[in-house]
Amino acid sequence: MGRMKEVFINILNANNGELPPNLTIEDCIKMKEYKIYEWYEYNRKKQKEKEKEIPLEKRAELYKLENWVKVKAKKICKK
């Protein structure tokens, strides 16, 4: 069996028989590399990899901003 065919079968099996709508060849290659074929789990792993690329100082700034937004959202929801 061809390697790409094997990857597509694994992806279909992990995603209830459907191909994810935004699946690219790059995603297929990364899924095989990570051995993660479930779409949402793969996206979480991909997001974590992107976060590792961000310098530590920037991550701290983003974390502070994210917390600030959550606090503001809670205040707005209480009104």
N, C-alpha and C. Protein backbone atom coordinates (compact mmCIF):
# COMPACT_ATOMS: atom_id res chain seq x y z
N MET A 1 0.86 -1.18 0.00
CA MET A 1 0.00 0.00 0.00
C MET A 1 0.91 1.24 0.00
N GLY A 2 0.51 2.26 -0.76
CA GLY A 2 1.29 3.49 -0.82
C GLY A 2 1.27 4.24 0.49
N ARG A 3 2.32 5.00 0.73
CA ARG A 3 2.43 5.72 2.00
C ARG A 3 1.35 6.79 2.16
N MET A 4 1.08 7.53 1.08
CA MET A 4 0.04 8.58 1.18
C MET A 4 -1.33 7.94 1.39
N LYS A 5 -1.57 6.83 0.74
CA LYS A 5 -2.85 6.14 0.91
C LYS A 5 -3.01 5.71 2.36
N GLU A 6 -1.94 5.20 2.94
CA GLU A 6 -1.94 4.78 4.34
C GLU A 6 -2.21 5.98 5.27
N VAL A 7 -1.60 7.12 4.98
CA VAL A 7 -1.82 8.33 5.79
C VAL A 7 -3.29 8.76 5.69
N PHE A 8 -3.84 8.78 4.47
CA PHE A 8 -5.23 9.19 4.29
C PHE A 8 -6.19 8.24 5.00
N ILE A 9 -5.91 6.95 4.96
CA ILE A 9 -6.76 5.99 5.67
C ILE A 9 -6.72 6.25 7.17
N ASN A 10 -5.51 6.51 7.70
CA ASN A 10 -5.39 6.82 9.13
C ASN A 10 -6.14 8.09 9.49
N ILE A 11 -6.06 9.10 8.63
CA ILE A 11 -6.77 10.36 8.88
C ILE A 11 -8.28 10.13 8.86
N LEU A 12 -8.77 9.39 7.87
CA LEU A 12 -10.19 9.09 7.78
C LEU A 12 -10.68 8.32 9.00
N ASN A 13 -9.92 7.32 9.42
CA ASN A 13 -10.31 6.52 10.59
C ASN A 13 -10.35 7.37 11.86
N ALA A 14 -9.42 8.29 12.02
CA ALA A 14 -9.35 9.11 13.22
C ALA A 14 -10.40 10.22 13.25
N ASN A 15 -10.97 10.56 12.10
CA ASN A 15 -11.90 11.68 12.00
C ASN A 15 -13.29 11.24 11.54
N ASN A 16 -13.74 10.11 12.02
CA ASN A 16 -15.09 9.60 11.74
C ASN A 16 -15.39 9.47 10.25
N GLY A 17 -14.41 9.06 9.48
CA GLY A 17 -14.62 8.80 8.07
C GLY A 17 -14.65 10.03 7.18
N GLU A 18 -14.29 11.19 7.71
CA GLU A 18 -14.30 12.42 6.91
C GLU A 18 -12.92 13.04 6.88
N LEU A 19 -12.60 13.66 5.74
CA LEU A 19 -11.36 14.43 5.67
C LEU A 19 -11.62 15.82 6.26
N PRO A 20 -10.71 16.32 7.07
CA PRO A 20 -10.87 17.69 7.60
C PRO A 20 -10.95 18.69 6.44
N PRO A 21 -11.78 19.73 6.56
CA PRO A 21 -12.02 20.65 5.44
C PRO A 21 -10.79 21.43 4.98
N ASN A 22 -9.88 21.77 5.88
CA ASN A 22 -8.73 22.60 5.52
C ASN A 22 -7.43 21.81 5.46
N LEU A 23 -7.52 20.53 5.23
CA LEU A 23 -6.35 19.65 5.21
C LEU A 23 -5.47 19.97 4.01
N THR A 24 -4.17 20.14 4.26
CA THR A 24 -3.21 20.38 3.19
C THR A 24 -2.19 19.24 3.17
N ILE A 25 -1.39 19.19 2.13
CA ILE A 25 -0.34 18.19 2.04
C ILE A 25 0.65 18.38 3.19
N GLU A 26 0.94 19.63 3.52
CA GLU A 26 1.84 19.91 4.65
C GLU A 26 1.30 19.32 5.94
N ASP A 27 -0.02 19.46 6.14
CA ASP A 27 -0.65 18.88 7.33
C ASP A 27 -0.50 17.36 7.32
N CYS A 28 -0.69 16.73 6.18
CA CYS A 28 -0.55 15.27 6.09
C CYS A 28 0.86 14.83 6.47
N ILE A 29 1.84 15.57 5.99
CA ILE A 29 3.23 15.23 6.29
C ILE A 29 3.51 15.39 7.78
N LYS A 30 3.03 16.49 8.37
CA LYS A 30 3.23 16.72 9.80
C LYS A 30 2.47 15.70 10.65
N MET A 31 1.26 15.34 10.22
CA MET A 31 0.48 14.34 10.96
C MET A 31 1.24 13.01 11.00
N LYS A 32 1.82 12.64 9.87
CA LYS A 32 2.58 11.40 9.82
C LYS A 32 3.81 11.51 10.71
N GLU A 33 4.47 12.67 10.67
CA GLU A 33 5.66 12.90 11.49
C GLU A 33 5.33 12.81 12.99
N TYR A 34 4.22 13.44 13.40
CA TYR A 34 3.81 13.43 14.80
C TYR A 34 3.10 12.13 15.19
N LYS A 35 2.65 11.38 14.18
CA LYS A 35 1.82 10.18 14.39
C LYS A 35 0.53 10.55 15.12
N ILE A 36 -0.02 11.70 14.75
CA ILE A 36 -1.31 12.18 15.27
C ILE A 36 -2.21 12.40 14.07
N TYR A 37 -3.31 11.67 13.99
CA TYR A 37 -4.18 11.76 12.82
C TYR A 37 -5.53 12.40 13.12
N GLU A 38 -5.84 12.62 14.38
CA GLU A 38 -7.10 13.28 14.74
C GLU A 38 -6.89 14.78 14.57
N TRP A 39 -7.79 15.44 13.83
CA TRP A 39 -7.60 16.82 13.39
C TRP A 39 -7.44 17.81 14.54
N TYR A 40 -8.30 17.75 15.55
CA TYR A 40 -8.23 18.73 16.64
C TYR A 40 -7.00 18.52 17.51
N GLU A 41 -6.66 17.28 17.73
CA GLU A 41 -5.45 16.97 18.50
C GLU A 41 -4.21 17.45 17.74
N TYR A 42 -4.21 17.24 16.43
CA TYR A 42 -3.10 17.71 15.60
C TYR A 42 -2.99 19.23 15.65
N ASN A 43 -4.11 19.95 15.59
CA ASN A 43 -4.06 21.41 15.64
C ASN A 43 -3.54 21.91 16.98
N ARG A 44 -3.90 21.21 18.08
CA ARG A 44 -3.36 21.58 19.40
C ARG A 44 -1.84 21.43 19.42
N LYS A 45 -1.35 20.32 18.86
CA LYS A 45 0.09 20.07 18.81
C LYS A 45 0.78 21.12 17.95
N LYS A 46 0.16 21.47 16.82
CA LYS A 46 0.72 22.48 15.92
C LYS A 46 0.78 23.84 16.61
N GLN A 47 -0.26 24.19 17.39
CA GLN A 47 -0.30 25.45 18.11
C GLN A 47 0.81 25.49 19.17
N LYS A 48 1.02 24.38 19.87
CA LYS A 48 2.09 24.32 20.87
C LYS A 48 3.45 24.51 20.22
N GLU A 49 3.64 23.93 19.04
CA GLU A 49 4.90 24.09 18.32
C GLU A 49 5.13 25.55 17.92
N LYS A 50 4.06 26.24 17.51
CA LYS A 50 4.17 27.65 17.16
C LYS A 50 4.53 28.49 18.38
N GLU A 51 3.93 28.14 19.53
CA GLU A 51 4.21 28.88 20.75
C GLU A 51 5.66 28.73 21.18
N LYS A 52 6.26 27.59 20.91
CA LYS A 52 7.67 27.38 21.25
C LYS A 52 8.58 28.29 20.45
N GLU A 53 8.14 28.67 19.25
CA GLU A 53 8.93 29.53 18.39
C GLU A 53 8.93 30.99 18.88
N ILE A 54 7.94 31.36 19.67
CA ILE A 54 7.83 32.73 20.18
C ILE A 54 8.82 32.90 21.33
N PRO A 55 9.61 33.98 21.33
CA PRO A 55 10.55 34.21 22.43
C PRO A 55 9.82 34.30 23.78
N LEU A 56 10.50 33.94 24.84
CA LEU A 56 9.91 33.87 26.16
C LEU A 56 9.32 35.21 26.60
N GLU A 57 9.98 36.31 26.27
CA GLU A 57 9.48 37.64 26.66
C GLU A 57 8.14 37.93 25.99
N LYS A 58 8.03 37.58 24.72
CA LYS A 58 6.79 37.79 23.98
C LYS A 58 5.67 36.93 24.54
N ARG A 59 6.00 35.68 24.92
CA ARG A 59 5.00 34.79 25.50
C ARG A 59 4.43 35.38 26.77
N ALA A 60 5.30 35.99 27.59
CA ALA A 60 4.84 36.60 28.83
C ALA A 60 3.90 37.76 28.53
N GLU A 61 4.22 38.56 27.54
CA GLU A 61 3.36 39.68 27.15
C GLU A 61 2.01 39.17 26.65
N LEU A 62 2.03 38.14 25.82
CA LEU A 62 0.79 37.57 25.29
C LEU A 62 -0.06 36.98 26.41
N TYR A 63 0.58 36.33 27.39
CA TYR A 63 -0.15 35.75 28.50
C TYR A 63 -0.83 36.84 29.32
N LYS A 64 -0.11 37.95 29.57
CA LYS A 64 -0.70 39.07 30.32
C LYS A 64 -1.88 39.65 29.56
N LEU A 65 -1.73 39.83 28.26
CA LEU A 65 -2.80 40.38 27.43
C LEU A 65 -4.01 39.44 27.43
N GLU A 66 -3.76 38.15 27.33
CA GLU A 66 -4.85 37.17 27.32
C GLU A 66 -5.62 37.20 28.63
N ASN A 67 -4.91 37.29 29.75
CA ASN A 67 -5.56 37.37 31.05
C ASN A 67 -6.35 38.67 31.19
N TRP A 68 -5.81 39.76 30.69
CA TRP A 68 -6.49 41.06 30.75
C TRP A 68 -7.82 40.98 30.00
N VAL A 69 -7.81 40.35 28.82
CA VAL A 69 -9.02 40.21 28.02
C VAL A 69 -10.05 39.36 28.75
N LYS A 70 -9.61 38.29 29.40
CA LYS A 70 -10.53 37.43 30.15
C LYS A 70 -11.19 38.20 31.29
N VAL A 71 -10.40 39.01 32.01
CA VAL A 71 -10.94 39.80 33.12
C VAL A 71 -11.96 40.79 32.60
N LYS A 72 -11.65 41.48 31.53
CA LYS A 72 -12.59 42.46 30.94
C LYS A 72 -13.88 41.77 30.47
N ALA A 73 -13.75 40.59 29.87
CA ALA A 73 -14.91 39.85 29.38
C ALA A 73 -15.82 39.46 30.56
N LYS A 74 -15.22 39.04 31.66
CA LYS A 74 -16.01 38.67 32.84
C LYS A 74 -16.75 39.87 33.39
N LYS A 75 -16.11 41.04 33.41
CA LYS A 75 -16.74 42.26 33.91
C LYS A 75 -17.92 42.65 33.03
N ILE A 76 -17.74 42.51 31.74
CA ILE A 76 -18.80 42.86 30.78
C ILE A 76 -19.97 41.89 30.94
N CYS A 77 -19.68 40.62 31.13
CA CYS A 77 -20.74 39.61 31.26
C CYS A 77 -21.55 39.80 32.55
N LYS A 78 -20.92 40.34 33.58
CA LYS A 78 -21.61 40.55 34.85
C LYS A 78 -22.63 41.67 34.75
N LYS A 79 -22.42 42.62 33.84
CA LYS A 79 -23.32 43.77 33.71
C LYS A 79 -24.65 43.40 33.14
